[in-house]
Amino acid sequence: MIKNKDKILDILIKTNDYVSGEKLSQFIGISRTAIWKNINRLKEEGYHIDSVTNKGYRLLEEPSTLSESQLMHDLKALGFTHVQLDDTVDSTNLEAKRRADQVEGHGCFVAREQTSGRGRRGRYWSSPKDSGSYVSILLRPDIMPSDAAMVTLIAGLSLAKTLNQLYDINAKIKWPNDIIIQGKKVAGILTEMSAEIERVNYLVVGIGLNISQQAFSNELSSIATSLEMASNQGTIDFNRHEYIQTLITEFMHYIERFFQIRDLSFIKKEYENLCLNVKGDIRVVGNKDSYIGIGQGITNQGELIVLTPAGDTMKVNSGEVSVRGIYGYV
């Protein structure tokens, strides 16, 4: 459900002039006292709102930092009915799953800091406050559980395109869920779901991006980077609203098409053009064994096609293996 303060913000943005408290009260169906309280909540989020007796309220300036109401305004046209911004959470994915039963339609969960950020296969994801972007998207798709893995690839393509469009950094995809700059990981994707045998109740797509970190632990220093570390200028003019809106717009553009045709044939070539594991030597690491091969592309179902030294063609499922470069991480 869209909050009253977000409805007020929409009216003020669209009107671009003074709107009386009485008119806002009539439009939204709450008291003028409630209007005043919600105006103050918007001011607390950083909105500069002028209040003039007998004229009403006018939006003068939007906040320069993250604002829950601004995110809701940006995303509601994409079908989002819930946006939540937290200062600190254990994990945006965990928070999305906790709130899933309370949200109708799509939801977006954003945090400035995660205390227990997670990656694929339970790996820890470092999430210091305001040093990265931590976003989880809650979806309710009409798909089979076996189709859910393809959503990760769609998120990866959307993220790589967003970073290249906004920051011109030559981001690439490491199948199935990492984004690579200059041979190191700058972002990761974790897709989780609640499902029954033949239906998905909901999907949560978590996207973590390193922005301003200048150093990583010894364990991560050889494989991790941030936008600022990879930038020639040393700093990135990172607008979080612009980034989140662009990312989710790209993602929803693809995901709506995917929900219609249930495979990745429509993005296959585009994905392969950005994927580091195509036409390169890779090591496929399973639970019991591993082998070296050459990546050939992806199937319409998102499996990685690998040519083995014996000349056999293997289809690799992302849930079964990890992929590494022969001489390093990628």
Protein backbone atom coordinates (compact mmCIF):
# COMPACT_ATOMS: atom_id res chain seq x y z
CA MET A 1 0.00 0.00 0.00
CA ILE A 2 1.32 3.44 -0.95
CA LYS A 3 1.82 5.63 2.12
CA ASN A 4 0.02 8.95 2.53
CA LYS A 5 3.28 10.93 2.55
CA ASP A 6 4.13 9.41 -0.82
CA LYS A 7 0.73 10.40 -2.21
CA ILE A 8 1.32 13.96 -0.98
CA LEU A 9 4.75 14.01 -2.59
CA ASP A 10 3.30 12.90 -5.93
CA ILE A 11 0.79 15.74 -5.85
CA LEU A 12 3.42 18.34 -4.94
CA ILE A 13 5.79 17.14 -7.68
CA LYS A 14 3.08 17.10 -10.35
CA THR A 15 1.57 20.46 -9.33
CA ASN A 16 4.84 22.39 -8.98
CA ASP A 17 2.91 25.11 -7.15
CA TYR A 18 1.23 25.70 -3.82
CA VAL A 19 -1.48 23.23 -2.85
CA SER A 20 -3.69 23.99 0.10
CA GLY A 21 -3.95 21.65 3.03
CA GLU A 22 -7.69 21.48 2.41
CA LYS A 23 -7.22 20.26 -1.16
CA LEU A 24 -4.61 17.72 -0.10
CA SER A 25 -7.01 16.52 2.58
CA GLN A 26 -9.77 16.08 -0.01
CA PHE A 27 -7.52 14.37 -2.56
CA ILE A 28 -6.08 11.84 -0.11
CA GLY A 29 -8.99 11.43 2.32
CA ILE A 30 -7.20 12.27 5.57
CA SER A 31 -7.46 15.19 8.00
CA ARG A 32 -5.52 18.42 7.61
CA THR A 33 -3.68 17.56 10.81
CA ALA A 34 -2.60 14.29 9.20
CA ILE A 35 -1.49 16.25 6.12
CA TRP A 36 0.69 18.49 8.32
CA LYS A 37 2.24 15.46 10.05
CA ASN A 38 3.07 13.82 6.72
CA ILE A 39 4.55 17.06 5.39
CA ASN A 40 6.87 17.06 8.40
CA ARG A 41 7.87 13.47 7.66
CA LEU A 42 8.82 14.51 4.14
CA LYS A 43 10.86 17.39 5.55
CA GLU A 44 12.67 14.90 7.81
CA GLU A 45 13.60 12.94 4.67
CA GLY A 46 15.27 16.05 3.27
CA TYR A 47 12.52 17.66 1.16
CA HIS A 48 12.44 21.46 1.25
CA ILE A 49 8.74 22.28 1.41
CA ASP A 50 7.49 25.84 1.78
CA SER A 51 4.40 26.40 3.93
CA VAL A 52 2.43 29.64 3.47
CA THR A 53 -0.78 30.56 5.26
CA ASN A 54 -3.78 30.67 2.90
CA LYS A 55 -1.67 29.21 0.05
CA GLY A 56 -0.61 25.79 1.31
CA TYR A 57 2.48 23.75 0.58
CA ARG A 58 4.96 23.84 -2.28
CA LEU A 59 7.93 21.57 -2.98
CA LEU A 60 11.06 23.67 -3.43
CA GLU A 61 13.85 21.08 -3.52
CA GLU A 62 14.25 17.32 -3.45
CA PRO A 63 16.81 15.67 -1.14
CA SER A 64 20.33 14.90 -2.34
CA THR A 65 20.50 11.72 -0.25
CA LEU A 66 18.41 8.56 -0.36
CA SER A 67 14.73 9.15 0.36
CA GLU A 68 12.10 6.45 0.77
CA SER A 69 9.40 8.72 -0.66
CA GLN A 70 11.53 9.63 -3.69
CA LEU A 71 12.20 5.94 -4.36
CA MET A 72 8.47 5.24 -4.17
CA HIS A 73 7.79 8.09 -6.59
CA ASP A 74 10.45 6.75 -8.97
CA LEU A 75 9.30 3.13 -8.88
CA LYS A 76 5.52 3.12 -8.59
CA ALA A 77 5.11 3.47 -12.37
CA LEU A 78 7.01 0.16 -12.66
CA GLY A 79 4.39 -1.64 -10.56
CA PHE A 80 5.97 -1.26 -7.12
CA THR A 81 3.56 -0.87 -4.23
CA HIS A 82 6.07 -0.97 -1.38
CA VAL A 83 9.44 0.72 -0.93
CA GLN A 84 11.40 0.47 2.29
CA LEU A 85 14.60 2.30 3.18
CA ASP A 86 16.43 1.23 6.35
CA ASP A 87 19.50 2.71 7.94
CA THR A 88 20.75 -0.74 9.02
CA VAL A 89 19.41 -4.27 8.49
CA ASP A 90 20.90 -7.72 8.76
CA SER A 91 20.19 -8.30 5.06
CA THR A 92 17.85 -6.66 2.56
CA ASN A 93 16.99 -10.12 1.22
CA LEU A 94 16.04 -11.32 4.70
CA GLU A 95 14.01 -8.16 5.29
CA ALA A 96 12.18 -8.64 1.97
CA LYS A 97 11.32 -12.22 2.92
CA ARG A 98 10.11 -11.15 6.35
CA ARG A 99 7.81 -8.55 4.77
CA ALA A 100 6.68 -10.62 1.79
CA ASP A 101 3.32 -11.59 3.28
CA GLN A 102 2.55 -7.93 4.00
CA VAL A 103 3.29 -6.64 0.50
CA GLU A 104 0.96 -6.89 -2.47
CA GLY A 105 2.69 -6.63 -5.82
CA HIS A 106 6.35 -5.75 -6.22
CA GLY A 107 8.50 -4.37 -3.40
CA CYS A 108 11.92 -2.73 -3.15
CA PHE A 109 14.06 -2.92 0.00
CA VAL A 110 17.11 -0.68 0.37
CA ALA A 111 19.58 -0.27 3.23
CA ARG A 112 22.53 1.97 3.94
CA GLU A 113 24.24 -0.87 5.79
CA GLN A 114 23.93 -4.65 6.13
CA THR A 115 25.27 -6.44 9.18
CA SER A 116 24.87 -9.93 7.69
CA GLY A 117 25.03 -9.46 3.94
CA ARG A 118 25.18 -12.71 2.02
CA GLY A 119 26.25 -13.90 -1.39
CA ARG A 120 25.74 -17.09 -3.35
CA ARG A 121 26.35 -20.35 -1.45
CA GLY A 122 26.20 -18.55 1.89
CA ARG A 123 29.32 -16.46 1.34
CA TYR A 124 29.66 -13.29 3.42
CA TRP A 125 29.12 -9.98 1.60
CA SER A 126 30.86 -7.00 3.20
CA SER A 127 28.33 -4.17 3.47
CA PRO A 128 29.78 -1.15 5.32
CA LYS A 129 27.54 1.85 5.83
CA ASP A 130 27.16 4.15 2.81
CA SER A 131 30.10 2.46 1.05
CA GLY A 132 27.89 0.42 -1.24
CA SER A 133 24.38 -0.02 -2.55
CA TYR A 134 22.29 -2.82 -1.06
CA VAL A 135 18.98 -3.42 -2.85
CA SER A 136 16.53 -6.32 -2.89
CA ILE A 137 13.61 -6.61 -5.31
CA LEU A 138 10.52 -8.59 -4.29
CA LEU A 139 8.61 -10.12 -7.22
CA ARG A 140 5.54 -12.32 -7.51
CA PRO A 141 6.02 -14.07 -10.85
CA ASP A 142 3.76 -16.68 -12.40
CA ILE A 143 6.61 -19.06 -13.22
CA MET A 144 7.79 -22.52 -12.29
CA PRO A 145 10.47 -22.87 -9.58
CA SER A 146 12.81 -24.34 -12.19
CA ASP A 147 12.65 -21.04 -14.11
CA ALA A 148 13.84 -18.90 -11.19
CA ALA A 149 17.56 -19.25 -11.92
CA MET A 150 17.08 -17.36 -15.19
CA VAL A 151 16.06 -14.26 -13.21
CA THR A 152 19.62 -14.02 -11.85
CA LEU A 153 20.99 -13.74 -15.38
CA ILE A 154 18.46 -11.03 -16.21
CA ALA A 155 19.55 -9.11 -13.11
CA GLY A 156 23.20 -9.49 -14.12
CA LEU A 157 22.59 -8.11 -17.59
CA SER A 158 20.52 -5.24 -16.18
CA LEU A 159 23.23 -4.36 -13.67
CA ALA A 160 26.10 -4.47 -16.16
CA LYS A 161 24.18 -2.27 -18.60
CA THR A 162 23.28 0.19 -15.86
CA LEU A 163 26.88 0.58 -14.70
CA ASN A 164 28.17 0.97 -18.25
CA GLN A 165 25.49 3.50 -19.09
CA LEU A 166 25.95 5.66 -16.00
CA TYR A 167 29.69 5.36 -15.34
CA ASP A 168 31.34 4.11 -18.56
CA ILE A 169 33.44 1.51 -16.72
CA ASN A 170 33.32 -1.52 -19.06
CA ALA A 171 31.54 -3.79 -16.59
CA LYS A 172 31.30 -7.44 -17.59
CA ILE A 173 29.32 -10.44 -16.35
CA LYS A 174 30.87 -13.49 -14.74
CA TRP A 175 28.24 -16.18 -15.15
CA PRO A 176 25.92 -16.54 -13.37
CA ASN A 177 25.80 -13.76 -10.78
CA ASP A 178 28.90 -11.51 -10.53
CA ILE A 179 29.79 -8.21 -12.17
CA ILE A 180 33.47 -7.72 -12.97
CA ILE A 181 35.56 -4.61 -13.56
CA GLN A 182 39.26 -4.91 -14.43
CA GLY A 183 39.28 -8.59 -13.46
CA LYS A 184 37.73 -8.10 -10.01
CA LYS A 185 34.25 -8.41 -8.57
CA VAL A 186 32.39 -5.15 -7.99
CA ALA A 187 28.87 -6.50 -7.53
CA GLY A 188 27.00 -9.71 -6.84
CA ILE A 189 23.45 -11.02 -7.11
CA LEU A 190 21.62 -13.43 -4.81
CA THR A 191 18.21 -14.74 -5.92
CA GLU A 192 16.06 -16.57 -3.37
CA MET A 193 12.49 -17.79 -3.49
CA SER A 194 9.53 -19.19 -1.62
CA ALA A 195 7.95 -21.90 -3.73
CA GLU A 196 5.75 -24.96 -3.89
CA ILE A 197 6.24 -27.85 -6.30
CA GLU A 198 4.61 -26.15 -9.29
CA ARG A 199 4.51 -22.47 -8.40
CA VAL A 200 6.64 -19.64 -7.06
CA ASN A 201 5.11 -17.68 -4.20
CA TYR A 202 7.68 -14.92 -4.50
CA LEU A 203 11.23 -14.21 -5.62
CA VAL A 204 13.74 -11.94 -3.91
CA VAL A 205 16.61 -10.62 -6.04
CA GLY A 206 19.36 -9.07 -3.94
CA ILE A 207 21.94 -6.83 -5.65
CA GLY A 208 25.00 -5.64 -3.77
CA LEU A 209 27.38 -3.09 -5.32
CA ASN A 210 30.71 -1.81 -3.96
CA ILE A 211 30.92 1.96 -4.45
CA SER A 212 33.49 3.80 -2.36
CA GLN A 213 35.57 1.16 -0.57
CA GLN A 214 39.29 1.90 -0.87
CA ALA A 215 40.56 -1.42 0.50
CA PHE A 216 39.41 -4.96 1.25
CA SER A 217 40.55 -7.68 3.64
CA ASN A 218 43.50 -9.87 2.66
CA GLU A 219 41.05 -12.63 1.76
CA LEU A 220 39.15 -10.40 -0.67
CA SER A 221 41.81 -7.99 -1.94
CA SER A 222 42.76 -10.17 -4.92
CA ILE A 223 39.19 -10.61 -6.16
CA ALA A 224 37.18 -7.56 -5.03
CA THR A 225 37.06 -3.93 -6.13
CA SER A 226 34.79 -0.89 -5.93
CA LEU A 227 33.66 1.69 -8.46
CA GLU A 228 36.06 4.25 -6.99
CA MET A 229 39.03 1.86 -6.94
CA ALA A 230 38.40 0.99 -10.59
CA SER A 231 37.83 4.58 -11.71
CA ASN A 232 40.63 6.48 -13.42
CA GLN A 233 39.46 9.63 -11.65
CA GLY A 234 39.55 7.97 -8.23
CA THR A 235 36.07 9.18 -7.33
CA ILE A 236 32.62 8.44 -8.71
CA ASP A 237 29.77 10.95 -8.78
CA PHE A 238 27.33 8.32 -7.59
CA ASN A 239 23.66 9.34 -7.44
CA ARG A 240 21.90 6.54 -5.57
CA HIS A 241 18.43 7.49 -6.77
CA GLU A 242 19.57 7.59 -10.39
CA TYR A 243 21.35 4.26 -10.02
CA ILE A 244 18.44 2.43 -8.36
CA GLN A 245 15.85 3.86 -10.74
CA THR A 246 17.94 3.03 -13.82
CA LEU A 247 18.75 -0.47 -12.57
CA ILE A 248 15.19 -1.40 -11.72
CA THR A 249 13.84 0.16 -14.92
CA GLU A 250 16.27 -1.99 -16.95
CA PHE A 251 15.45 -5.05 -14.89
CA MET A 252 11.66 -4.69 -15.13
CA HIS A 253 11.91 -4.06 -18.89
CA TYR A 254 13.51 -7.48 -19.29
CA ILE A 255 11.57 -9.30 -16.59
CA GLU A 256 8.15 -8.48 -18.02
CA ARG A 257 9.23 -9.98 -21.34
CA PHE A 258 10.66 -13.01 -19.56
CA PHE A 259 7.38 -13.61 -17.73
CA GLN A 260 5.70 -13.80 -21.13
CA ILE A 261 8.03 -16.21 -22.96
CA ARG A 262 9.65 -18.07 -20.00
CA ASP A 263 13.15 -18.30 -21.50
CA LEU A 264 16.17 -16.10 -22.28
CA SER A 265 16.15 -16.32 -26.07
CA PHE A 266 15.38 -12.59 -26.32
CA ILE A 267 18.54 -11.54 -24.42
CA LYS A 268 20.87 -14.42 -25.31
CA LYS A 269 23.14 -12.50 -27.72
CA GLU A 270 23.17 -9.38 -25.58
CA TYR A 271 24.11 -11.40 -22.50
CA GLU A 272 26.86 -13.32 -24.30
CA ASN A 273 28.40 -10.08 -25.57
CA LEU A 274 28.93 -8.96 -21.96
CA CYS A 275 29.81 -12.36 -20.48
CA LEU A 276 33.45 -13.10 -19.65
CA ASN A 277 32.84 -16.86 -19.70
CA VAL A 278 32.12 -16.99 -23.42
CA LYS A 279 35.00 -18.00 -25.73
CA GLY A 280 37.38 -18.17 -22.76
CA ASP A 281 39.15 -20.94 -20.82
CA ILE A 282 37.34 -21.74 -17.58
CA ARG A 283 37.46 -24.20 -14.72
CA VAL A 284 34.11 -25.74 -13.76
CA VAL A 285 34.12 -26.70 -10.08
CA GLY A 286 31.48 -29.14 -8.86
CA ASN A 287 30.84 -30.66 -5.47
CA LYS A 288 32.81 -33.81 -6.32
CA ASP A 289 35.03 -32.99 -9.30
CA SER A 290 36.14 -30.25 -11.66
CA TYR A 291 37.25 -29.89 -15.25
CA ILE A 292 38.66 -27.30 -17.64
CA GLY A 293 36.81 -26.24 -20.74
CA ILE A 294 36.00 -23.37 -23.06
CA GLY A 295 32.82 -21.35 -22.60
CA GLN A 296 30.62 -21.37 -25.68
CA GLY A 297 27.66 -19.24 -24.61
CA ILE A 298 24.40 -19.84 -22.78
CA THR A 299 21.29 -21.84 -23.60
CA ASN A 300 17.85 -20.29 -23.75
CA GLN A 301 17.41 -21.55 -20.18
CA GLY A 302 20.52 -19.79 -18.92
CA GLU A 303 22.81 -22.80 -18.68
CA LEU A 304 26.47 -22.25 -19.53
CA ILE A 305 27.63 -24.23 -22.56
CA VAL A 306 31.15 -25.60 -22.08
CA LEU A 307 33.35 -27.44 -24.59
CA THR A 308 35.56 -29.96 -22.76
CA PRO A 309 39.11 -30.98 -23.82
CA ALA A 310 37.62 -34.27 -25.03
CA GLY A 311 35.40 -32.39 -27.46
CA ASP A 312 32.20 -32.97 -25.51
CA THR A 313 29.66 -30.20 -25.01
CA MET A 314 28.39 -29.82 -21.46
CA LYS A 315 25.47 -27.75 -20.19
CA VAL A 316 26.28 -26.36 -16.77
CA ASN A 317 23.52 -25.44 -14.33
CA SER A 318 24.28 -22.53 -11.99
CA GLY A 319 22.91 -24.36 -8.98
CA GLU A 320 25.37 -27.20 -9.32
CA VAL A 321 28.80 -25.65 -9.92
CA SER A 322 31.04 -22.61 -9.68
CA VAL A 323 33.05 -21.23 -12.58
CA ARG A 324 36.57 -19.85 -12.24
CA GLY A 325 39.31 -18.75 -14.57
CA ILE A 326 42.24 -21.10 -15.01
CA TYR A 327 44.80 -18.61 -13.71
CA GLY A 328 42.68 -16.49 -11.39
CA TYR A 329 39.23 -15.40 -10.38
CA VAL A 330 37.91 -14.75 -13.91
